[in-house]
């Protein structure tokens, strides 16, 4: 069997392998699209450890200034391309065996300079900021500058190199892209604890499934992944069927429709199996994130559980045994016992109301540094509990919804996945909070 025969019979195999590769790539894009759709958007003050999604604006204390447009940015890149063209003369033999010559024109653009820079920046929303380290991210940016000019333009040599490429037409194309300061951003990536302060940051992590920084909206990012997903799958189908058609054409057996149909059917079956695998893995990932969100509420409740006794100790030391103070302390301890560190179910807005009542009744507490520091930490923890509970309810709602919609409902049955109940307020939190101020 000669090389040509091997190539002919290898067309279906090559088409099948390339088709499966495209199918795998489409599955990866589909998995990322489901992550974008399933992870609820967090506020910057409610970000915890793990994969998170936030939206806000790009801010920096010392922003970069882009090379071409001169705009303030947190990230930018630029390139300069120079046009070239030449006439090529070639010799060939025509159908009558005579040698002839012909000329053709070749042209194109050649990159002659490029650069860029990025800095860590803050993503700001209506509640606060979070540090983002963009190294290693898939940055989907805006176009900042584009201009094509000749040597008479000051930009030609002002921002481009002095030397020309071979066969230059003396035309240059300047392009710049980046993330401008104050630009609306969508970020999905791994959150971790900062090394310099007690606060989270979003940075690249080899264990994270994705890290995207985009000037587009969440829906646009999701649609982009969907287009890649279906595009890869259709290309894979075309490669599989095309490989069989090529083999049939080379062997003069194009009249038999069975091989292409069978190849397409096998590809579609593999696509269905791949979708089930991808959907099941995404549901497992979502279930684990629900568990993580539940655990984060536990962490904040444990922190509050440790703070309330210290706050009560400070108040007791300052106010002695006054009846109203003892009543307030009893309320705080009662609320702490109502939801211990192992029962993540309440926000404890009543703790904040009790502290406000104490301050109004005893202004001298406000002047005590220990009381103020503990109060700040406790109220901050209360806010984090509320945010963590809200995040849990959002992601649990996403999870419960996926278990009910078709076709995910049938995939969820394979893993015997069950809905998770949402958190609700404790009975005492439904009562009206009354604060009696001093006469």
Protein backbone atom coordinates (compact mmCIF):
# COMPACT_ATOMS: atom_id res chain seq x y z
CA UNK A 1 0.00 0.00 0.00
CA UNK A 2 1.59 3.28 -1.16
CA UNK A 3 1.58 6.62 0.65
CA UNK A 4 -1.39 7.93 -1.34
CA UNK A 5 -3.53 4.94 -0.33
CA UNK A 6 -2.56 5.44 3.31
CA UNK A 7 -3.58 9.09 3.08
CA UNK A 8 -6.92 8.23 1.49
CA UNK A 9 -7.85 5.62 4.09
CA UNK A 10 -6.56 7.88 6.86
CA UNK A 11 -8.98 10.72 6.04
CA UNK A 12 -11.88 9.38 8.20
CA UNK A 13 -9.50 8.70 11.10
CA UNK A 14 -7.96 12.18 10.87
CA UNK A 15 -11.39 13.80 10.59
CA UNK A 16 -12.60 11.79 13.58
CA UNK A 17 -9.64 12.76 15.76
CA UNK A 18 -9.92 16.45 14.86
CA UNK A 19 -13.68 16.28 15.44
CA UNK A 20 -13.23 14.81 18.92
CA UNK A 21 -10.66 17.50 19.69
CA UNK A 22 -13.17 20.18 18.68
CA UNK A 23 -15.84 18.41 20.73
CA UNK A 24 -13.59 18.51 23.80
CA UNK A 25 -12.82 22.20 23.24
CA UNK A 26 -16.53 22.96 22.90
CA UNK A 27 -17.20 21.09 26.14
CA UNK A 28 -14.61 23.21 27.95
CA UNK A 29 -16.25 26.41 26.70
CA UNK A 30 -19.64 25.06 27.75
CA UNK A 31 -18.36 24.29 31.24
CA UNK A 32 -17.08 27.86 31.61
CA UNK A 33 -20.37 29.25 30.36
CA UNK A 34 -22.24 27.27 32.99
CA UNK A 35 -19.87 28.59 35.67
CA UNK A 36 -20.62 32.16 34.61
CA UNK A 37 -24.36 31.46 34.65
CA UNK A 38 -24.37 29.55 37.96
CA UNK A 39 -22.16 31.66 40.22
CA UNK A 40 -24.11 34.56 41.78
CA UNK A 41 -22.55 38.01 41.75
CA UNK A 42 -21.06 38.97 45.13
CA UNK A 43 -20.54 42.37 46.63
CA UNK A 44 -16.91 43.27 47.30
CA UNK A 45 -17.52 43.19 51.06
CA UNK A 46 -19.06 39.74 50.76
CA UNK A 47 -16.21 38.03 48.90
CA UNK A 48 -14.88 34.91 50.61
CA UNK A 49 -12.25 32.34 49.71
CA UNK A 50 -12.98 30.42 46.50
CA UNK A 51 -14.27 31.11 43.00
CA UNK A 52 -16.22 34.38 43.04
CA UNK A 53 -17.90 36.74 40.62
CA UNK A 54 -17.92 40.51 41.14
CA UNK A 55 -18.86 43.58 39.12
CA UNK A 56 -17.78 47.18 39.55
CA UNK A 57 -15.37 49.76 38.16
CA UNK A 58 -11.59 49.65 37.73
CA UNK A 59 -9.83 51.99 40.17
CA UNK A 60 -6.18 52.64 41.04
CA UNK A 61 -4.28 55.13 43.18
CA UNK A 62 -1.52 55.49 40.56
CA UNK A 63 -2.97 54.46 37.20
CA UNK A 64 -0.92 53.78 34.09
CA UNK A 65 -0.87 56.15 31.12
CA UNK A 66 -1.25 54.29 27.83
CA UNK A 67 1.52 54.60 25.23
CA UNK A 68 -0.51 55.77 22.22
CA UNK A 69 -3.80 57.25 23.42
CA UNK A 70 -2.39 58.71 26.64
CA UNK A 71 -5.40 57.47 28.62
CA UNK A 72 -5.34 56.45 32.27
CA UNK A 73 -5.57 52.66 32.50
CA UNK A 74 -4.96 49.69 34.76
CA UNK A 75 -3.89 47.58 31.78
CA UNK A 76 -2.96 48.35 28.18
CA UNK A 77 -1.16 46.84 25.19
CA UNK A 78 -0.11 48.34 21.88
CA UNK A 79 1.41 47.39 18.53
CA UNK A 80 2.81 49.07 15.42
CA UNK A 81 2.55 47.32 12.06
CA UNK A 82 4.19 48.40 8.82
CA UNK A 83 2.83 47.60 5.37
CA UNK A 84 5.09 46.05 2.77
CA UNK A 85 4.59 44.93 -0.83
CA UNK A 86 6.72 43.46 -3.59
CA UNK A 87 6.48 42.13 -7.13
CA UNK A 88 7.46 38.48 -7.58
CA UNK A 89 8.43 37.02 -10.96
CA UNK A 90 8.19 33.26 -11.33
CA UNK A 91 8.76 30.75 -14.12
CA UNK A 92 6.35 27.90 -14.88
CA UNK A 93 5.56 25.32 -17.57
CA UNK A 94 2.19 25.60 -19.30
CA UNK A 95 -0.03 22.77 -20.53
CA UNK A 96 1.83 22.66 -23.89
CA UNK A 97 5.21 22.19 -22.22
CA UNK A 98 6.44 25.72 -22.87
CA UNK A 99 8.25 27.67 -20.18
CA UNK A 100 6.67 30.99 -19.36
CA UNK A 101 7.07 33.74 -16.75
CA UNK A 102 4.48 35.64 -14.78
CA UNK A 103 4.45 38.30 -12.10
CA UNK A 104 2.29 38.59 -9.02
CA UNK A 105 1.95 41.12 -6.25
CA UNK A 106 2.53 40.18 -2.60
CA UNK A 107 1.72 42.44 0.34
CA UNK A 108 1.02 42.35 4.05
CA UNK A 109 1.58 43.90 7.45
CA UNK A 110 4.59 43.19 9.65
CA UNK A 111 4.75 43.91 13.36
CA UNK A 112 7.63 46.32 14.03
CA UNK A 113 7.00 47.32 17.66
CA UNK A 114 4.81 46.34 20.56
CA UNK A 115 4.48 46.70 24.32
CA UNK A 116 2.13 47.04 27.24
CA UNK A 117 1.82 47.05 31.00
CA UNK A 118 -0.57 46.13 33.83
CA UNK A 119 -0.85 46.85 37.53
CA UNK A 120 -2.89 45.46 40.42
CA UNK A 121 -6.07 47.49 40.74
CA UNK A 122 -9.18 47.78 42.86
CA UNK A 123 -12.64 46.75 41.73
CA UNK A 124 -15.12 49.15 43.30
CA UNK A 125 -18.86 48.63 43.77
CA UNK A 126 -21.48 50.41 45.88
CA UNK A 127 -20.26 48.77 49.13
CA UNK A 128 -16.47 48.78 48.92
CA UNK A 129 -13.40 47.64 46.99
CA UNK A 130 -11.42 44.45 46.43
CA UNK A 131 -7.88 44.10 45.09
CA UNK A 132 -7.50 42.34 41.73
CA UNK A 133 -4.12 41.07 40.48
CA UNK A 134 -4.55 40.69 36.69
CA UNK A 135 -1.44 38.62 35.92
CA UNK A 136 -2.50 35.38 34.24
CA UNK A 137 -6.08 36.49 33.56
CA UNK A 138 -8.00 36.24 30.31
CA UNK A 139 -8.45 39.99 29.84
CA UNK A 140 -11.26 40.98 27.48
CA UNK A 141 -10.49 44.64 26.87
CA UNK A 142 -11.67 47.72 24.98
CA UNK A 143 -10.06 49.23 21.90
CA UNK A 144 -8.38 52.49 22.93
CA UNK A 145 -6.71 53.73 19.76
CA UNK A 146 -6.36 52.86 16.06
CA UNK A 147 -4.75 54.96 13.35
CA UNK A 148 -3.08 54.33 9.99
CA UNK A 149 -0.73 56.97 8.60
CA UNK A 150 2.24 57.74 6.37
CA UNK A 151 5.63 59.28 7.05
CA UNK A 152 4.25 62.82 7.01
CA UNK A 153 2.27 62.12 10.18
CA UNK A 154 4.18 62.95 13.41
CA UNK A 155 2.94 59.68 14.87
CA UNK A 156 4.83 57.65 12.25
CA UNK A 157 8.26 58.17 13.82
CA UNK A 158 7.09 59.66 17.12
CA UNK A 159 5.68 56.33 18.36
CA UNK A 160 7.21 53.98 15.80
CA UNK A 161 10.77 52.77 15.10
CA UNK A 162 13.20 54.79 12.96
CA UNK A 163 14.10 51.88 10.65
CA UNK A 164 11.82 50.57 7.91
CA UNK A 165 11.13 46.95 6.98
CA UNK A 166 12.19 45.50 3.64
CA UNK A 167 9.94 46.54 0.71
CA UNK A 168 8.12 49.02 2.92
CA UNK A 169 5.19 51.05 1.56
CA UNK A 170 5.85 53.57 4.35
CA UNK A 171 2.43 53.05 5.86
CA UNK A 172 2.04 52.17 9.53
CA UNK A 173 -0.94 50.99 11.56
CA UNK A 174 -1.02 51.92 15.27
CA UNK A 175 -3.35 50.01 17.58
CA UNK A 176 -3.90 50.08 21.35
CA UNK A 177 -6.24 48.23 23.67
CA UNK A 178 -6.73 48.01 27.43
CA UNK A 179 -8.87 48.56 30.51
CA UNK A 180 -9.41 52.28 31.16
CA UNK A 181 -9.64 53.75 34.64
CA UNK A 182 -13.24 53.81 35.96
CA UNK A 183 -14.33 51.32 33.26
CA UNK A 184 -17.18 48.95 34.27
CA UNK A 185 -15.75 45.46 34.76
CA UNK A 186 -16.93 41.91 35.18
CA UNK A 187 -14.48 39.66 37.05
CA UNK A 188 -14.70 35.95 37.81
CA UNK A 189 -11.73 34.30 39.51
CA UNK A 190 -10.26 32.74 42.62
CA UNK A 191 -10.37 34.78 45.82
CA UNK A 192 -7.66 34.34 48.46
CA UNK A 193 -6.46 36.15 51.56
CA UNK A 194 -4.03 39.02 51.05
CA UNK A 195 -0.55 38.82 52.54
CA UNK A 196 -0.34 42.47 53.66
CA UNK A 197 -3.73 42.97 55.36
CA UNK A 198 -6.67 40.87 56.53
CA UNK A 199 -8.73 41.16 53.35
CA UNK A 200 -9.44 39.09 50.24
CA UNK A 201 -7.98 39.56 46.76
CA UNK A 202 -8.67 37.98 43.38
CA UNK A 203 -5.65 36.51 41.60
CA UNK A 204 -4.59 33.72 39.25
CA UNK A 205 -4.67 30.21 40.66
CA UNK A 206 -3.69 27.07 38.76
CA UNK A 207 -6.47 25.15 40.51
CA UNK A 208 -9.20 27.60 39.46
CA UNK A 209 -11.23 26.69 36.35
CA UNK A 210 -11.11 30.24 34.99
CA UNK A 211 -9.95 33.80 35.61
CA UNK A 212 -11.64 36.41 33.41
CA UNK A 213 -11.45 40.20 33.55
CA UNK A 214 -13.82 41.73 31.03
CA UNK A 215 -15.12 45.17 30.10
CA UNK A 216 -18.22 43.35 28.83
CA UNK A 217 -21.27 42.49 30.89
CA UNK A 218 -21.94 39.09 32.46
CA UNK A 219 -24.50 38.23 29.77
CA UNK A 220 -22.07 39.17 27.00
CA UNK A 221 -19.34 37.00 28.53
CA UNK A 222 -21.78 34.09 28.77
CA UNK A 223 -22.90 34.53 25.16
CA UNK A 224 -19.26 34.63 24.05
CA UNK A 225 -18.57 31.26 25.66
CA UNK A 226 -21.79 29.87 24.13
CA UNK A 227 -20.72 30.94 20.63
CA UNK A 228 -17.34 29.25 21.06
CA UNK A 229 -19.04 26.16 22.48
CA UNK A 230 -21.40 25.63 19.56
CA UNK A 231 -18.88 26.82 17.00
CA UNK A 232 -16.36 24.15 18.04
CA UNK A 233 -19.05 21.47 18.02
CA UNK A 234 -20.28 22.33 14.52
CA UNK A 235 -16.71 22.46 13.21
CA UNK A 236 -16.10 19.05 14.76
CA UNK A 237 -19.19 17.64 13.03
CA UNK A 238 -18.05 19.09 9.71
CA UNK A 239 -14.58 17.56 10.12
CA UNK A 240 -15.95 14.10 10.94
CA UNK A 241 -18.45 14.04 8.07
CA UNK A 242 -16.00 15.80 5.72
CA UNK A 243 -13.32 13.18 6.39
CA UNK A 244 -15.72 10.42 5.35
CA UNK A 245 -16.84 12.36 2.27
CA UNK A 246 -13.19 12.88 1.29
CA UNK A 247 -12.53 9.17 1.59
CA UNK A 248 -15.63 8.38 -0.50
CA UNK A 249 -14.65 10.89 -3.18
CA UNK A 250 -11.14 9.42 -3.42
CA UNK A 251 -12.50 5.87 -3.70
CA UNK A 252 -15.38 6.76 -6.07
CA UNK A 253 -18.04 5.59 -3.61
CA UNK A 254 -19.89 8.86 -3.07
CA UNK A 255 -23.20 7.28 -3.96
CA UNK A 256 -23.46 5.44 -0.65
CA UNK A 257 -24.91 7.80 2.04
CA UNK A 258 -24.49 5.32 4.91
CA UNK A 259 -20.88 6.08 5.96
CA UNK A 260 -21.36 9.89 6.33
CA UNK A 261 -24.66 9.42 8.15
CA UNK A 262 -23.12 6.81 10.46
CA UNK A 263 -20.12 9.06 11.16
CA UNK A 264 -22.43 11.96 11.98
CA UNK A 265 -24.55 9.78 14.24
CA UNK A 266 -21.50 8.56 16.15
CA UNK A 267 -20.30 12.14 16.57
CA UNK A 268 -23.69 13.30 17.85
CA UNK A 269 -23.80 10.38 20.29
CA UNK A 270 -20.35 11.35 21.56
CA UNK A 271 -21.58 14.96 21.86
CA UNK A 272 -24.55 13.86 23.98
CA UNK A 273 -22.32 11.76 26.24
CA UNK A 274 -19.88 14.67 26.53
CA UNK A 275 -22.72 17.05 27.43
CA UNK A 276 -23.96 14.70 30.15
CA UNK A 277 -20.42 14.46 31.56
CA UNK A 278 -20.02 18.24 31.46
CA UNK A 279 -23.45 18.94 32.97
CA UNK A 280 -22.93 16.41 35.77
CA UNK A 281 -19.51 17.85 36.65
CA UNK A 282 -20.89 21.39 36.66
CA UNK A 283 -23.73 20.35 39.00
CA UNK A 284 -21.23 18.67 41.33
CA UNK A 285 -19.12 21.85 41.26
CA UNK A 286 -22.21 23.93 42.05
CA UNK A 287 -23.18 21.60 44.92
CA UNK A 288 -19.69 21.95 46.43
CA UNK A 289 -19.95 25.74 46.20
CA UNK A 290 -23.25 25.60 48.08
CA UNK A 291 -21.51 23.63 50.82
CA UNK A 292 -18.66 26.14 50.85
CA UNK A 293 -21.11 29.04 51.16
CA UNK A 294 -22.78 27.29 54.13
CA UNK A 295 -19.38 26.82 55.77
CA UNK A 296 -18.53 30.50 55.31
CA UNK A 297 -21.60 31.48 57.33
CA UNK A 298 -20.33 29.14 60.06
CA UNK A 299 -16.96 30.94 60.03
CA UNK A 300 -18.58 34.33 60.56
CA UNK A 301 -20.90 33.01 63.28
CA UNK A 302 -17.91 31.57 65.10
CA UNK A 303 -16.20 34.97 64.89
CA UNK A 304 -19.28 36.66 66.34
CA UNK A 305 -19.54 34.00 69.02
CA UNK A 306 -16.00 34.88 70.16
CA UNK A 307 -16.59 38.65 70.06
CA UNK A 308 -19.83 38.94 72.06
CA UNK A 309 -18.37 37.65 75.37
CA UNK A 310 -15.46 40.11 75.05
CA UNK A 311 -17.84 43.00 74.32
CA UNK A 312 -20.05 42.00 77.22
CA UNK A 313 -17.01 41.88 79.50
CA UNK A 314 -16.04 45.44 78.57
CA UNK A 315 -19.56 46.74 79.18
CA UNK A 316 -19.79 44.91 82.49
CA UNK A 317 -16.53 46.41 83.64
CA UNK A 318 -17.68 49.94 82.80
CA UNK A 319 -21.29 49.85 83.93
CA UNK A 320 -21.15 47.60 87.00
CA UNK A 321 -24.52 46.05 87.80
CA UNK A 322 -27.04 48.56 86.46
CA UNK A 323 -30.29 46.88 85.62
CA UNK A 324 -30.65 48.20 82.05
CA UNK A 325 -27.10 47.20 81.17
CA UNK A 326 -27.61 43.73 82.55
CA UNK A 327 -30.78 43.43 80.52
CA UNK A 328 -28.93 44.43 77.35
CA UNK A 329 -26.18 41.93 78.07
CA UNK A 330 -28.74 39.20 78.64
CA UNK A 331 -30.31 39.99 75.25
CA UNK A 332 -26.94 39.68 73.47
CA UNK A 333 -26.15 36.40 75.21
CA UNK A 334 -29.62 35.07 74.44
CA UNK A 335 -29.27 35.89 70.76
CA UNK A 336 -25.82 34.27 70.73
CA UNK A 337 -27.25 31.07 72.23
CA UNK A 338 -30.18 31.11 69.79
CA UNK A 339 -27.79 30.48 66.90
CA UNK A 340 -24.49 29.05 68.01
CA UNK A 341 -21.44 28.80 65.78
CA UNK A 342 -22.66 25.51 64.34
CA UNK A 343 -26.13 26.76 63.29
CA UNK A 344 -25.84 29.23 60.39
CA UNK A 345 -29.36 30.56 60.21
CA UNK A 346 -29.68 34.19 61.29
CA UNK A 347 -28.30 37.68 60.74
CA UNK A 348 -28.63 38.95 64.31
CA UNK A 349 -29.75 42.45 63.53
CA UNK A 350 -30.91 42.51 67.15
CA UNK A 351 -27.28 42.64 68.32
CA UNK A 352 -26.76 45.89 66.43
CA UNK A 353 -29.94 47.38 67.86
CA UNK A 354 -28.83 46.43 71.40
CA UNK A 355 -25.47 48.14 70.90
CA UNK A 356 -27.15 51.31 69.60
CA UNK A 357 -29.44 51.31 72.63
CA UNK A 358 -26.43 50.98 74.96
CA UNK A 359 -24.66 53.90 73.27
CA UNK A 360 -27.73 56.11 73.51
CA UNK A 361 -28.28 55.18 77.17
CA UNK A 362 -24.60 55.47 78.15
CA UNK A 363 -22.69 57.99 75.99
CA UNK A 364 -19.47 57.36 77.95
CA UNK A 365 -19.20 53.95 76.26
CA UNK A 366 -18.56 55.70 72.94
CA UNK A 367 -15.39 57.23 74.34
CA UNK A 368 -13.95 53.86 75.36
CA UNK A 369 -11.47 52.56 72.76
CA UNK A 370 -11.96 48.91 73.68
CA UNK A 371 -15.73 49.17 73.37
CA UNK A 372 -15.54 51.01 70.04
CA UNK A 373 -13.06 48.53 68.57
CA UNK A 374 -15.14 45.53 69.63
CA UNK A 375 -18.30 47.22 68.40
CA UNK A 376 -16.74 47.86 65.00
CA UNK A 377 -15.60 44.26 64.69
CA UNK A 378 -18.94 42.93 65.82
CA UNK A 379 -21.02 45.09 63.48
CA UNK A 380 -18.64 44.26 60.64
CA UNK A 381 -19.17 40.58 61.43
CA UNK A 382 -22.94 41.09 61.45
CA UNK A 383 -22.70 42.60 57.97
CA UNK A 384 -20.54 39.71 56.79
CA UNK A 385 -23.04 37.22 58.20
CA UNK A 386 -25.83 38.95 56.27
CA UNK A 387 -23.75 38.98 53.08
CA UNK A 388 -22.70 35.35 53.54
CA UNK A 389 -26.28 34.32 54.13
CA UNK A 390 -27.40 36.26 51.07
CA UNK A 391 -24.66 34.61 48.99
CA UNK A 392 -25.70 31.17 50.27
CA UNK A 393 -29.33 31.80 49.43
CA UNK A 394 -28.42 33.01 45.93
CA UNK A 395 -26.14 30.11 45.05
CA UNK A 396 -28.50 27.59 46.68
CA UNK A 397 -31.35 29.03 44.60
CA UNK A 398 -29.23 28.60 41.46
CA UNK A 399 -28.48 25.02 42.50
CA UNK A 400 -32.10 24.19 43.30
CA UNK A 401 -33.22 25.68 39.99
CA UNK A 402 -30.74 23.56 38.02
CA UNK A 403 -32.09 20.44 39.74
CA UNK A 404 -35.60 21.22 38.51
CA UNK A 405 -35.08 22.37 34.91
CA UNK A 406 -34.89 19.96 31.98
CA UNK A 407 -32.51 18.41 30.93
CA UNK A 408 -30.35 19.04 34.03
CA UNK A 409 -33.07 17.41 36.12
CA UNK A 410 -32.33 13.99 34.62
CA UNK A 411 -28.57 14.43 35.00
CA UNK A 412 -29.01 15.36 38.68
CA UNK A 413 -30.83 12.08 39.32
CA UNK A 414 -27.65 10.21 38.36
CA UNK A 415 -25.93 11.68 41.40
CA UNK A 416 -29.03 11.61 43.62
CA UNK A 417 -28.69 15.34 44.18
CA UNK A 418 -31.28 16.97 46.42
CA UNK A 419 -32.30 20.63 46.83
CA UNK A 420 -30.87 22.63 49.73
CA UNK A 421 -33.24 24.62 51.97
CA UNK A 422 -32.68 28.36 52.11
CA UNK A 423 -31.81 30.22 55.28
CA UNK A 424 -34.54 32.11 57.13
CA UNK A 425 -34.68 34.52 60.04
CA UNK A 426 -35.00 33.24 63.60
CA UNK A 427 -38.31 33.65 65.38
CA UNK A 428 -37.05 36.46 67.62
CA UNK A 429 -35.81 38.40 64.57
CA UNK A 430 -39.35 38.66 63.22
CA UNK A 431 -40.44 40.62 66.26
CA UNK A 432 -40.36 44.40 66.26
CA UNK A 433 -37.15 45.79 67.75
CA UNK A 434 -37.93 48.43 70.36
CA UNK A 435 -35.25 50.75 71.70
CA UNK A 436 -36.09 52.79 74.83
CA UNK A 437 -33.96 55.94 74.96
CA UNK A 438 -33.21 57.94 78.08
CA UNK A 439 -35.76 60.56 79.15
